[in-house]
């Protein structure tokens, strides 16, 4: 079981507090984390779990280098990510604080089930490669949510969202939306971290 974050280790408690405070600040101004912030916050939580608090603090300094009110969520973006990203991060932090967060040894899904969703995520990125384009705003938001769900071992939810993205890609329904430069690399990095944690 994951170690509860209620012991005397001040570095652990300080990092957990910083993550929670940043999520509160974003919620207070009514915005979700950007993809970069979401990635850095998840990495900070990864380091909170592994005990590498110095690296977690480094991730938080990068997150905190931008004002909490910057990059507001696009109101017109047709994505359930509008409420889910902070919810996922807060739930993950709460599980780490209470000592109930999932580890690779206690996941609710089989390794084959997890690998199938991870491979499906990679296939979507490969389709975008073949189309020679970056994910658009809608695809980016949905794929970030898939990463969040996989990190929380919510593979049933991740599979549903991924199937929706694959359907939209196949039918080119969202092709008119603007692409988000450089996001495929971040999404691939996020997938690599999910796989590394899963095999760790």
N, C-alpha and C. Protein backbone atom coordinates (compact mmCIF):
# COMPACT_ATOMS: atom_id res chain seq x y z
N UNK A 1 0.84 -1.20 0.00
CA UNK A 1 0.00 0.00 0.00
C UNK A 1 0.87 1.24 0.00
N UNK A 2 0.38 2.26 -0.66
CA UNK A 2 1.10 3.51 -0.72
C UNK A 2 1.24 4.11 0.67
N UNK A 3 2.40 4.67 0.98
CA UNK A 3 2.65 5.28 2.27
C UNK A 3 1.79 6.52 2.46
N UNK A 4 1.13 6.62 3.63
CA UNK A 4 0.33 7.80 3.92
C UNK A 4 1.23 9.00 4.17
N UNK A 5 0.73 10.17 3.80
CA UNK A 5 1.53 11.39 3.92
C UNK A 5 1.19 12.13 5.20
N UNK A 6 1.17 11.42 6.35
CA UNK A 6 0.82 12.06 7.60
C UNK A 6 1.92 11.89 8.64
N UNK A 7 3.11 11.58 8.20
CA UNK A 7 4.23 11.38 9.11
C UNK A 7 4.99 12.65 9.36
N UNK A 8 6.18 12.54 9.98
CA UNK A 8 6.93 13.74 10.37
C UNK A 8 7.77 14.33 9.25
N UNK A 9 7.75 13.72 8.08
CA UNK A 9 8.62 14.18 7.00
C UNK A 9 8.12 15.51 6.45
N UNK A 10 8.77 16.61 6.82
CA UNK A 10 8.29 17.93 6.41
C UNK A 10 8.41 18.14 4.91
N UNK A 11 9.46 17.57 4.27
CA UNK A 11 9.62 17.73 2.83
C UNK A 11 8.44 17.11 2.09
N UNK A 12 8.00 15.94 2.55
CA UNK A 12 6.84 15.27 1.94
C UNK A 12 5.58 16.12 2.13
N UNK A 13 5.38 16.60 3.35
CA UNK A 13 4.18 17.39 3.64
C UNK A 13 4.20 18.71 2.88
N UNK A 14 5.38 19.33 2.78
CA UNK A 14 5.49 20.60 2.06
C UNK A 14 5.14 20.44 0.59
N UNK A 15 5.62 19.35 -0.03
CA UNK A 15 5.33 19.12 -1.44
C UNK A 15 3.85 18.87 -1.65
N UNK A 16 3.25 18.06 -0.79
CA UNK A 16 1.81 17.80 -0.91
C UNK A 16 1.02 19.09 -0.76
N UNK A 17 1.44 19.95 0.18
CA UNK A 17 0.75 21.23 0.39
C UNK A 17 0.88 22.13 -0.85
N UNK A 18 2.06 22.15 -1.46
CA UNK A 18 2.26 23.01 -2.63
C UNK A 18 1.38 22.57 -3.79
N UNK A 19 1.26 21.27 -4.00
CA UNK A 19 0.40 20.78 -5.08
C UNK A 19 -1.05 21.18 -4.81
N UNK A 20 -1.50 20.92 -3.57
CA UNK A 20 -2.88 21.26 -3.23
C UNK A 20 -3.16 22.75 -3.34
N UNK A 21 -2.20 23.58 -2.90
CA UNK A 21 -2.39 25.03 -2.95
C UNK A 21 -2.47 25.52 -4.39
N UNK A 22 -1.66 24.92 -5.28
CA UNK A 22 -1.70 25.35 -6.68
C UNK A 22 -3.02 24.97 -7.33
N UNK A 23 -3.54 23.79 -7.03
CA UNK A 23 -4.83 23.39 -7.58
C UNK A 23 -5.94 24.31 -7.05
N UNK A 24 -5.86 24.68 -5.78
CA UNK A 24 -6.85 25.60 -5.21
C UNK A 24 -6.79 26.96 -5.91
N UNK A 25 -5.56 27.45 -6.18
CA UNK A 25 -5.40 28.75 -6.83
C UNK A 25 -6.01 28.73 -8.23
N UNK A 26 -5.82 27.62 -8.97
CA UNK A 26 -6.41 27.51 -10.30
C UNK A 26 -7.93 27.48 -10.22
N UNK A 27 -8.45 26.71 -9.25
CA UNK A 27 -9.90 26.62 -9.10
C UNK A 27 -10.49 27.97 -8.73
N UNK A 28 -9.78 28.73 -7.91
CA UNK A 28 -10.28 30.04 -7.46
C UNK A 28 -10.48 31.01 -8.62
N UNK A 29 -9.61 30.91 -9.64
CA UNK A 29 -9.75 31.82 -10.79
C UNK A 29 -10.53 31.18 -11.93
N UNK A 30 -11.06 29.98 -11.69
CA UNK A 30 -11.94 29.34 -12.65
C UNK A 30 -11.27 28.82 -13.89
N UNK A 31 -10.09 28.24 -13.76
CA UNK A 31 -9.44 27.68 -14.94
C UNK A 31 -8.85 26.32 -14.64
N UNK A 32 -8.61 25.55 -15.72
CA UNK A 32 -7.97 24.25 -15.62
C UNK A 32 -6.48 24.38 -15.93
N UNK A 33 -5.67 23.42 -15.49
CA UNK A 33 -4.25 23.45 -15.86
C UNK A 33 -4.07 23.30 -17.36
N UNK A 34 -3.05 23.97 -17.88
CA UNK A 34 -2.66 23.73 -19.27
C UNK A 34 -2.06 22.33 -19.36
N UNK A 35 -1.80 21.84 -20.57
CA UNK A 35 -1.19 20.52 -20.73
C UNK A 35 0.16 20.47 -20.02
N UNK A 36 0.96 21.53 -20.17
CA UNK A 36 2.28 21.55 -19.51
C UNK A 36 2.13 21.52 -17.99
N UNK A 37 1.19 22.30 -17.47
CA UNK A 37 0.98 22.31 -16.01
C UNK A 37 0.48 20.96 -15.53
N UNK A 38 -0.46 20.37 -16.26
CA UNK A 38 -0.98 19.06 -15.88
C UNK A 38 0.14 18.02 -15.84
N UNK A 39 0.99 18.05 -16.87
CA UNK A 39 2.13 17.13 -16.91
C UNK A 39 3.04 17.34 -15.70
N UNK A 40 3.38 18.60 -15.40
CA UNK A 40 4.29 18.89 -14.28
C UNK A 40 3.67 18.54 -12.94
N UNK A 41 2.37 18.79 -12.78
CA UNK A 41 1.70 18.45 -11.53
C UNK A 41 1.66 16.94 -11.33
N UNK A 42 1.41 16.20 -12.40
CA UNK A 42 1.42 14.74 -12.28
C UNK A 42 2.83 14.23 -11.96
N UNK A 43 3.86 14.85 -12.56
CA UNK A 43 5.22 14.44 -12.24
C UNK A 43 5.55 14.74 -10.77
N UNK A 44 5.07 15.88 -10.27
CA UNK A 44 5.27 16.19 -8.86
C UNK A 44 4.62 15.13 -7.97
N UNK A 45 3.44 14.67 -8.37
CA UNK A 45 2.77 13.62 -7.60
C UNK A 45 3.50 12.29 -7.74
N UNK A 46 4.06 12.02 -8.93
CA UNK A 46 4.88 10.82 -9.09
C UNK A 46 6.05 10.84 -8.12
N UNK A 47 6.72 12.00 -8.01
CA UNK A 47 7.87 12.11 -7.10
C UNK A 47 7.43 12.08 -5.64
N UNK A 48 6.23 12.56 -5.36
CA UNK A 48 5.69 12.46 -4.00
C UNK A 48 5.52 10.99 -3.62
N UNK A 49 5.08 10.17 -4.56
CA UNK A 49 4.90 8.74 -4.32
C UNK A 49 6.24 8.04 -4.15
N UNK A 50 7.22 8.40 -4.98
CA UNK A 50 8.52 7.71 -4.95
C UNK A 50 9.44 8.21 -3.85
N UNK A 51 9.12 9.39 -3.27
CA UNK A 51 9.98 9.94 -2.24
C UNK A 51 11.07 10.85 -2.75
N UNK A 52 11.04 11.16 -4.05
CA UNK A 52 12.04 12.06 -4.63
C UNK A 52 11.51 13.51 -4.54
N UNK A 53 11.52 14.04 -3.31
CA UNK A 53 10.86 15.31 -3.06
C UNK A 53 11.57 16.49 -3.74
N UNK A 54 12.88 16.41 -3.88
CA UNK A 54 13.61 17.50 -4.53
C UNK A 54 13.15 17.67 -5.97
N UNK A 55 12.96 16.55 -6.69
CA UNK A 55 12.48 16.64 -8.07
C UNK A 55 11.04 17.13 -8.11
N UNK A 56 10.24 16.70 -7.12
CA UNK A 56 8.87 17.18 -7.05
C UNK A 56 8.81 18.68 -6.83
N UNK A 57 9.70 19.20 -5.97
CA UNK A 57 9.76 20.64 -5.74
C UNK A 57 10.19 21.38 -7.00
N UNK A 58 11.10 20.77 -7.78
CA UNK A 58 11.53 21.38 -9.03
C UNK A 58 10.35 21.48 -10.00
N UNK A 59 9.54 20.43 -10.08
CA UNK A 59 8.36 20.47 -10.94
C UNK A 59 7.40 21.57 -10.48
N UNK A 60 7.24 21.72 -9.17
CA UNK A 60 6.32 22.73 -8.67
C UNK A 60 6.83 24.15 -8.92
N UNK A 61 8.13 24.35 -8.86
CA UNK A 61 8.67 25.67 -9.17
C UNK A 61 8.35 26.06 -10.61
N UNK A 62 8.42 25.08 -11.51
CA UNK A 62 8.09 25.34 -12.91
C UNK A 62 6.61 25.68 -13.07
N UNK A 63 5.75 24.96 -12.35
CA UNK A 63 4.32 25.25 -12.41
C UNK A 63 4.04 26.64 -11.86
N UNK A 64 4.69 26.97 -10.76
CA UNK A 64 4.42 28.24 -10.07
C UNK A 64 5.07 29.44 -10.76
N UNK A 65 5.90 29.18 -11.75
CA UNK A 65 6.55 30.29 -12.45
C UNK A 65 5.57 31.08 -13.30
N UNK A 66 4.40 30.48 -13.58
CA UNK A 66 3.34 31.18 -14.32
C UNK A 66 2.28 31.63 -13.34
N UNK A 67 1.72 32.83 -13.49
CA UNK A 67 0.65 33.30 -12.61
C UNK A 67 -0.53 32.35 -12.62
N UNK A 68 -1.21 32.20 -11.48
CA UNK A 68 -2.31 31.23 -11.38
C UNK A 68 -3.47 31.57 -12.29
N UNK A 69 -3.56 32.81 -12.72
CA UNK A 69 -4.68 33.21 -13.57
C UNK A 69 -4.41 33.15 -15.05
N UNK A 70 -3.23 32.67 -15.46
CA UNK A 70 -2.90 32.66 -16.89
C UNK A 70 -3.55 31.51 -17.61
N UNK A 71 -3.55 31.58 -18.93
CA UNK A 71 -4.05 30.52 -19.80
C UNK A 71 -5.43 30.01 -19.39
N UNK A 72 -6.47 30.87 -19.38
CA UNK A 72 -7.80 30.40 -19.00
C UNK A 72 -8.31 29.34 -19.96
N UNK A 73 -9.09 28.41 -19.43
CA UNK A 73 -9.68 27.36 -20.27
C UNK A 73 -10.59 27.98 -21.32
N UNK A 74 -10.52 27.55 -22.56
CA UNK A 74 -11.36 28.08 -23.62
C UNK A 74 -12.81 27.69 -23.37
N UNK A 75 -13.67 28.67 -23.24
CA UNK A 75 -15.06 28.39 -22.89
C UNK A 75 -15.77 27.57 -23.95
N UNK A 76 -15.35 27.72 -25.22
CA UNK A 76 -16.04 27.04 -26.31
C UNK A 76 -15.52 25.64 -26.56
N UNK A 77 -14.49 25.21 -25.83
CA UNK A 77 -13.90 23.90 -26.10
C UNK A 77 -14.87 22.79 -25.71
N UNK A 78 -15.29 21.94 -26.64
CA UNK A 78 -16.31 20.92 -26.36
C UNK A 78 -15.71 19.71 -25.67
N UNK A 79 -15.21 19.89 -24.45
CA UNK A 79 -14.50 18.81 -23.79
C UNK A 79 -14.91 18.68 -22.34
N UNK A 80 -15.08 17.42 -21.87
CA UNK A 80 -15.37 17.18 -20.46
C UNK A 80 -14.15 17.45 -19.60
N UNK A 81 -13.03 17.78 -20.20
CA UNK A 81 -11.84 18.11 -19.44
C UNK A 81 -12.05 19.37 -18.59
N UNK A 82 -13.07 20.19 -18.92
CA UNK A 82 -13.30 21.43 -18.21
C UNK A 82 -13.42 21.22 -16.71
N UNK A 83 -13.98 20.08 -16.28
CA UNK A 83 -14.08 19.83 -14.84
C UNK A 83 -13.18 18.70 -14.40
N UNK A 84 -12.72 17.87 -15.30
CA UNK A 84 -12.08 16.64 -14.89
C UNK A 84 -10.61 16.79 -14.51
N UNK A 85 -9.85 17.70 -15.10
CA UNK A 85 -8.42 17.71 -14.86
C UNK A 85 -8.10 18.01 -13.40
N UNK A 86 -8.67 19.07 -12.83
CA UNK A 86 -8.43 19.37 -11.42
C UNK A 86 -9.01 18.28 -10.54
N UNK A 87 -10.17 17.74 -10.93
CA UNK A 87 -10.76 16.65 -10.15
C UNK A 87 -9.82 15.46 -10.08
N UNK A 88 -9.24 15.07 -11.23
CA UNK A 88 -8.32 13.94 -11.24
C UNK A 88 -7.10 14.22 -10.36
N UNK A 89 -6.52 15.41 -10.50
CA UNK A 89 -5.32 15.74 -9.73
C UNK A 89 -5.62 15.78 -8.24
N UNK A 90 -6.74 16.36 -7.86
CA UNK A 90 -7.10 16.41 -6.45
C UNK A 90 -7.36 15.01 -5.89
N UNK A 91 -8.00 14.16 -6.69
CA UNK A 91 -8.26 12.80 -6.23
C UNK A 91 -6.95 12.04 -6.05
N UNK A 92 -6.03 12.23 -6.99
CA UNK A 92 -4.75 11.53 -6.88
C UNK A 92 -3.97 12.01 -5.65
N UNK A 93 -3.98 13.33 -5.40
CA UNK A 93 -3.30 13.88 -4.23
C UNK A 93 -3.94 13.34 -2.95
N UNK A 94 -5.27 13.29 -2.90
CA UNK A 94 -5.96 12.81 -1.71
C UNK A 94 -5.61 11.35 -1.43
N UNK A 95 -5.50 10.54 -2.49
CA UNK A 95 -5.16 9.14 -2.30
C UNK A 95 -3.73 8.98 -1.79
N UNK A 96 -2.82 9.81 -2.30
CA UNK A 96 -1.45 9.75 -1.81
C UNK A 96 -1.37 10.20 -0.36
N UNK A 97 -2.12 11.23 0.01
CA UNK A 97 -2.11 11.71 1.39
C UNK A 97 -2.67 10.67 2.35
N UNK A 98 -3.67 9.92 1.89
CA UNK A 98 -4.32 8.95 2.77
C UNK A 98 -3.67 7.58 2.74
N UNK A 99 -2.77 7.40 1.74
CA UNK A 99 -2.11 6.10 1.63
C UNK A 99 -2.91 5.06 0.90
N UNK A 100 -3.90 5.49 0.09
CA UNK A 100 -4.74 4.53 -0.64
C UNK A 100 -4.54 4.59 -2.14
N UNK A 101 -3.53 5.32 -2.60
CA UNK A 101 -3.29 5.43 -4.04
C UNK A 101 -2.88 4.11 -4.65
N UNK A 102 -3.26 3.86 -5.89
CA UNK A 102 -2.94 2.59 -6.54
C UNK A 102 -1.47 2.49 -6.87
N UNK A 103 -0.91 1.33 -6.75
CA UNK A 103 0.44 1.02 -7.23
C UNK A 103 0.32 -0.06 -8.27
N UNK A 104 1.43 -0.35 -8.97
CA UNK A 104 1.37 -1.36 -10.02
C UNK A 104 1.00 -2.73 -9.45
N UNK A 105 1.25 -2.95 -8.16
CA UNK A 105 0.97 -4.25 -7.55
C UNK A 105 -0.50 -4.39 -7.16
N UNK A 106 -1.25 -3.27 -7.05
CA UNK A 106 -2.61 -3.35 -6.56
C UNK A 106 -3.62 -2.71 -7.53
N UNK A 107 -3.27 -2.65 -8.80
CA UNK A 107 -4.17 -2.06 -9.77
C UNK A 107 -5.43 -2.91 -9.93
N UNK A 108 -6.54 -2.26 -10.31
CA UNK A 108 -7.80 -2.97 -10.48
C UNK A 108 -7.93 -3.60 -11.85
N UNK A 109 -7.01 -3.32 -12.77
CA UNK A 109 -7.09 -3.82 -14.13
C UNK A 109 -5.88 -4.70 -14.43
N UNK A 110 -6.12 -5.68 -15.29
CA UNK A 110 -5.02 -6.59 -15.64
C UNK A 110 -3.98 -5.85 -16.48
N UNK A 111 -2.79 -6.42 -16.52
CA UNK A 111 -1.72 -5.82 -17.31
C UNK A 111 -2.10 -5.77 -18.78
N UNK A 112 -2.81 -6.79 -19.26
CA UNK A 112 -3.23 -6.82 -20.66
C UNK A 112 -4.24 -5.71 -20.95
N UNK A 113 -5.18 -5.47 -20.02
CA UNK A 113 -6.16 -4.40 -20.20
C UNK A 113 -5.48 -3.03 -20.23
N UNK A 114 -4.54 -2.84 -19.32
CA UNK A 114 -3.84 -1.56 -19.28
C UNK A 114 -3.01 -1.35 -20.54
N UNK A 115 -2.33 -2.41 -20.98
CA UNK A 115 -1.49 -2.31 -22.18
C UNK A 115 -2.33 -2.00 -23.41
N UNK A 116 -3.55 -2.57 -23.48
CA UNK A 116 -4.41 -2.33 -24.64
C UNK A 116 -4.78 -0.85 -24.75
N UNK A 117 -5.10 -0.22 -23.62
CA UNK A 117 -5.46 1.20 -23.65
C UNK A 117 -4.22 2.03 -23.96
N UNK A 118 -3.09 1.69 -23.36
CA UNK A 118 -1.85 2.42 -23.65
C UNK A 118 -1.48 2.32 -25.11
N UNK A 119 -1.62 1.12 -25.68
CA UNK A 119 -1.31 0.94 -27.11
C UNK A 119 -2.30 1.72 -27.98
N UNK A 120 -3.56 1.77 -27.56
CA UNK A 120 -4.54 2.54 -28.31
C UNK A 120 -4.21 4.03 -28.31
N UNK A 121 -3.73 4.52 -27.18
CA UNK A 121 -3.31 5.92 -27.08
C UNK A 121 -2.17 6.19 -28.06
N UNK A 122 -1.20 5.27 -28.11
CA UNK A 122 -0.08 5.43 -29.04
C UNK A 122 -0.55 5.38 -30.49
N UNK A 123 -1.53 4.53 -30.78
CA UNK A 123 -2.04 4.43 -32.15
C UNK A 123 -2.68 5.75 -32.60
N UNK A 124 -3.38 6.42 -31.67
CA UNK A 124 -3.97 7.72 -32.01
C UNK A 124 -2.87 8.72 -32.38
N UNK A 125 -1.79 8.72 -31.60
CA UNK A 125 -0.68 9.62 -31.91
C UNK A 125 -0.04 9.25 -33.25
N UNK A 126 0.02 7.96 -33.55
CA UNK A 126 0.59 7.53 -34.83
C UNK A 126 -0.30 7.97 -36.00
N UNK A 127 -1.61 7.95 -35.81
CA UNK A 127 -2.53 8.43 -36.85
C UNK A 127 -2.29 9.91 -37.11
N UNK A 128 -2.07 10.66 -36.04
CA UNK A 128 -1.76 12.09 -36.20
C UNK A 128 -0.43 12.28 -36.93
N UNK A 129 0.53 11.40 -36.66
CA UNK A 129 1.80 11.45 -37.40
C UNK A 129 1.57 11.25 -38.89
N UNK A 130 0.76 10.25 -39.22
CA UNK A 130 0.48 9.97 -40.63
C UNK A 130 -0.23 11.14 -41.30
N UNK A 131 -1.06 11.84 -40.53
CA UNK A 131 -1.76 13.01 -41.07
C UNK A 131 -0.87 14.25 -41.08
N UNK A 132 0.34 14.11 -40.53
CA UNK A 132 1.31 15.20 -40.47
C UNK A 132 0.73 16.45 -39.79
N UNK A 133 0.12 16.21 -38.65
CA UNK A 133 -0.43 17.34 -37.91
C UNK A 133 -0.37 17.08 -36.41
N UNK A 134 -0.49 18.18 -35.66
CA UNK A 134 -0.59 18.11 -34.21
C UNK A 134 -2.05 17.88 -33.81
N UNK A 135 -2.30 17.40 -32.58
CA UNK A 135 -3.69 17.32 -32.14
C UNK A 135 -4.32 18.71 -32.09
N UNK A 136 -5.59 18.79 -32.44
CA UNK A 136 -6.27 20.08 -32.32
C UNK A 136 -6.70 20.29 -30.88
N UNK A 137 -7.35 21.42 -30.61
CA UNK A 137 -7.69 21.77 -29.23
C UNK A 137 -8.57 20.72 -28.56
N UNK A 138 -9.57 20.22 -29.29
CA UNK A 138 -10.46 19.22 -28.73
C UNK A 138 -9.72 17.91 -28.46
N UNK A 139 -8.97 17.42 -29.46
CA UNK A 139 -8.22 16.17 -29.29
C UNK A 139 -7.23 16.27 -28.14
N UNK A 140 -6.54 17.40 -28.07
CA UNK A 140 -5.56 17.62 -27.00
C UNK A 140 -6.22 17.50 -25.64
N UNK A 141 -7.36 18.17 -25.45
CA UNK A 141 -8.05 18.11 -24.16
C UNK A 141 -8.48 16.70 -23.80
N UNK A 142 -9.01 15.96 -24.78
CA UNK A 142 -9.47 14.60 -24.51
C UNK A 142 -8.29 13.65 -24.22
N UNK A 143 -7.19 13.80 -24.96
CA UNK A 143 -6.04 12.93 -24.74
C UNK A 143 -5.38 13.20 -23.39
N UNK A 144 -5.38 14.44 -22.96
CA UNK A 144 -4.89 14.75 -21.61
C UNK A 144 -5.75 14.05 -20.58
N UNK A 145 -7.06 14.04 -20.80
CA UNK A 145 -7.95 13.37 -19.86
C UNK A 145 -7.70 11.86 -19.85
N UNK A 146 -7.38 11.27 -21.00
CA UNK A 146 -7.04 9.85 -21.04
C UNK A 146 -5.80 9.57 -20.20
N UNK A 147 -4.78 10.43 -20.33
CA UNK A 147 -3.57 10.27 -19.51
C UNK A 147 -3.91 10.37 -18.03
N UNK A 148 -4.73 11.36 -17.66
CA UNK A 148 -5.12 11.52 -16.26
C UNK A 148 -5.82 10.26 -15.75
N UNK A 149 -6.72 9.72 -16.56
CA UNK A 149 -7.47 8.52 -16.15
C UNK A 149 -6.53 7.33 -15.98
N UNK A 150 -5.59 7.16 -16.91
CA UNK A 150 -4.65 6.04 -16.79
C UNK A 150 -3.79 6.18 -15.54
N UNK A 151 -3.37 7.40 -15.22
CA UNK A 151 -2.55 7.60 -14.02
C UNK A 151 -3.31 7.23 -12.74
N UNK A 152 -4.64 7.36 -12.77
CA UNK A 152 -5.46 7.03 -11.61
C UNK A 152 -6.03 5.62 -11.70
N UNK A 153 -5.55 4.83 -12.66
CA UNK A 153 -6.01 3.46 -12.85
C UNK A 153 -7.50 3.41 -13.21
N UNK A 154 -7.99 4.46 -13.86
CA UNK A 154 -9.38 4.47 -14.33
C UNK A 154 -9.39 4.11 -15.81
N UNK A 155 -9.00 2.87 -16.09
CA UNK A 155 -8.84 2.47 -17.48
C UNK A 155 -10.17 2.30 -18.21
N UNK A 156 -11.25 2.03 -17.48
CA UNK A 156 -12.55 1.96 -18.15
C UNK A 156 -12.92 3.32 -18.72
N UNK A 157 -12.72 4.38 -17.93
CA UNK A 157 -12.98 5.73 -18.41
C UNK A 157 -12.02 6.11 -19.53
N UNK A 158 -10.74 5.77 -19.37
CA UNK A 158 -9.74 6.09 -20.39
C UNK A 158 -10.12 5.44 -21.73
N UNK A 159 -10.60 4.21 -21.68
CA UNK A 159 -10.98 3.49 -22.91
C UNK A 159 -12.15 4.18 -23.61
N UNK A 160 -13.14 4.61 -22.85
CA UNK A 160 -14.32 5.28 -23.42
C UNK A 160 -13.92 6.57 -24.13
N UNK A 161 -13.10 7.38 -23.45
CA UNK A 161 -12.67 8.65 -24.05
C UNK A 161 -11.83 8.40 -25.28
N UNK A 162 -10.94 7.40 -25.20
CA UNK A 162 -10.06 7.11 -26.33
C UNK A 162 -10.85 6.65 -27.54
N UNK A 163 -11.89 5.84 -27.33
CA UNK A 163 -12.73 5.40 -28.44
C UNK A 163 -13.44 6.58 -29.10
N UNK A 164 -13.85 7.55 -28.28
CA UNK A 164 -14.48 8.75 -28.83
C UNK A 164 -13.51 9.53 -29.69
N UNK A 165 -12.27 9.68 -29.21
CA UNK A 165 -11.25 10.39 -29.98
C UNK A 165 -10.98 9.66 -31.30
N UNK A 166 -10.83 8.32 -31.23
CA UNK A 166 -10.55 7.54 -32.43
C UNK A 166 -11.68 7.67 -33.46
N UNK A 167 -12.93 7.70 -32.97
CA UNK A 167 -14.08 7.86 -33.87
C UNK A 167 -14.05 9.23 -34.55
N UNK A 168 -13.78 10.27 -33.77
CA UNK A 168 -13.71 11.62 -34.33
C UNK A 168 -12.58 11.72 -35.36
N UNK A 169 -11.46 11.08 -35.06
CA UNK A 169 -10.33 11.09 -36.00
C UNK A 169 -10.71 10.41 -37.31
N UNK A 170 -11.36 9.25 -37.18
CA UNK A 170 -11.71 8.48 -38.38
C UNK A 170 -12.69 9.24 -39.26
N UNK A 171 -13.60 9.99 -38.64
CA UNK A 171 -14.63 10.68 -39.40
C UNK A 171 -14.30 12.15 -39.66
N UNK A 172 -13.12 12.57 -39.19
CA UNK A 172 -12.64 13.95 -39.43
C UNK A 172 -13.62 15.02 -38.96
N UNK A 173 -14.31 14.76 -37.87
CA UNK A 173 -15.32 15.71 -37.41
C UNK A 173 -14.71 16.99 -36.82
N UNK A 174 -13.50 16.85 -36.24
CA UNK A 174 -12.91 18.00 -35.55
C UNK A 174 -11.73 18.60 -36.32
N UNK A 175 -11.58 18.21 -37.59
CA UNK A 175 -10.39 18.59 -38.34
C UNK A 175 -10.27 20.10 -38.53
N UNK A 176 -11.39 20.82 -38.46
CA UNK A 176 -11.34 22.26 -38.70
C UNK A 176 -10.78 23.04 -37.53
N UNK A 177 -10.65 22.43 -36.38
CA UNK A 177 -10.12 23.14 -35.21
C UNK A 177 -8.62 23.36 -35.34
N UNK A 178 -8.13 24.36 -34.62
CA UNK A 178 -6.71 24.73 -34.70
C UNK A 178 -5.84 23.70 -34.00
N UNK A 179 -4.73 23.35 -34.64
CA UNK A 179 -3.76 22.45 -34.02
C UNK A 179 -3.00 23.13 -32.90
N UNK A 180 -2.51 22.32 -31.95
CA UNK A 180 -1.76 22.84 -30.80
C UNK A 180 -0.29 22.45 -30.97
N UNK A 181 0.57 23.40 -31.33
CA UNK A 181 1.98 23.07 -31.65
C UNK A 181 2.71 22.38 -30.49
N UNK A 182 3.47 21.35 -30.86
CA UNK A 182 4.35 20.70 -29.89
C UNK A 182 3.70 19.76 -28.90
N UNK A 183 2.39 19.53 -29.02
CA UNK A 183 1.70 18.75 -28.00
C UNK A 183 1.89 17.25 -28.15
N UNK A 184 2.12 16.78 -29.37
CA UNK A 184 2.33 15.34 -29.53
C UNK A 184 3.52 14.86 -28.71
N UNK A 185 4.59 15.66 -28.68
CA UNK A 185 5.79 15.27 -27.92
C UNK A 185 5.47 15.16 -26.43
N UNK A 186 4.69 16.12 -25.90
CA UNK A 186 4.32 16.07 -24.49
C UNK A 186 3.39 14.89 -24.19
N UNK A 187 2.47 14.63 -25.10
CA UNK A 187 1.57 13.49 -24.91
C UNK A 187 2.34 12.17 -24.93
N UNK A 188 3.30 12.06 -25.84
CA UNK A 188 4.13 10.84 -25.88
C UNK A 188 4.96 10.69 -24.61
N UNK A 189 5.48 11.81 -24.12
CA UNK A 189 6.24 11.77 -22.88
C UNK A 189 5.35 11.32 -21.73
N UNK A 190 4.13 11.85 -21.70
CA UNK A 190 3.18 11.43 -20.66
C UNK A 190 2.88 9.95 -20.74
N UNK A 191 2.69 9.41 -21.96
CA UNK A 191 2.45 7.98 -22.13
C UNK A 191 3.66 7.18 -21.66
N UNK A 192 4.86 7.64 -21.99
CA UNK A 192 6.07 6.93 -21.56
C UNK A 192 6.15 6.86 -20.05
N UNK A 193 5.75 7.93 -19.37
CA UNK A 193 5.77 7.93 -17.91
C UNK A 193 4.72 6.97 -17.33
N UNK A 194 3.54 6.92 -17.95
CA UNK A 194 2.51 5.98 -17.52
C UNK A 194 3.04 4.54 -17.65
N UNK A 195 3.65 4.24 -18.79
CA UNK A 195 4.17 2.89 -19.00
C UNK A 195 5.30 2.57 -18.04
N UNK A 196 6.18 3.55 -17.80
CA UNK A 196 7.29 3.35 -16.87
C UNK A 196 6.78 3.06 -15.46
N UNK A 197 5.80 3.85 -15.02
CA UNK A 197 5.22 3.62 -13.69
C UNK A 197 4.52 2.28 -13.62
N UNK A 198 3.87 1.89 -14.71
CA UNK A 198 3.13 0.62 -14.75
C UNK A 198 4.08 -0.56 -14.64
N UNK A 199 5.27 -0.41 -15.22
CA UNK A 199 6.24 -1.52 -15.21
C UNK A 199 7.22 -1.44 -14.04
N UNK A 200 7.08 -0.37 -13.25
CA UNK A 200 8.04 -0.14 -12.17
C UNK A 200 7.71 -0.87 -10.96
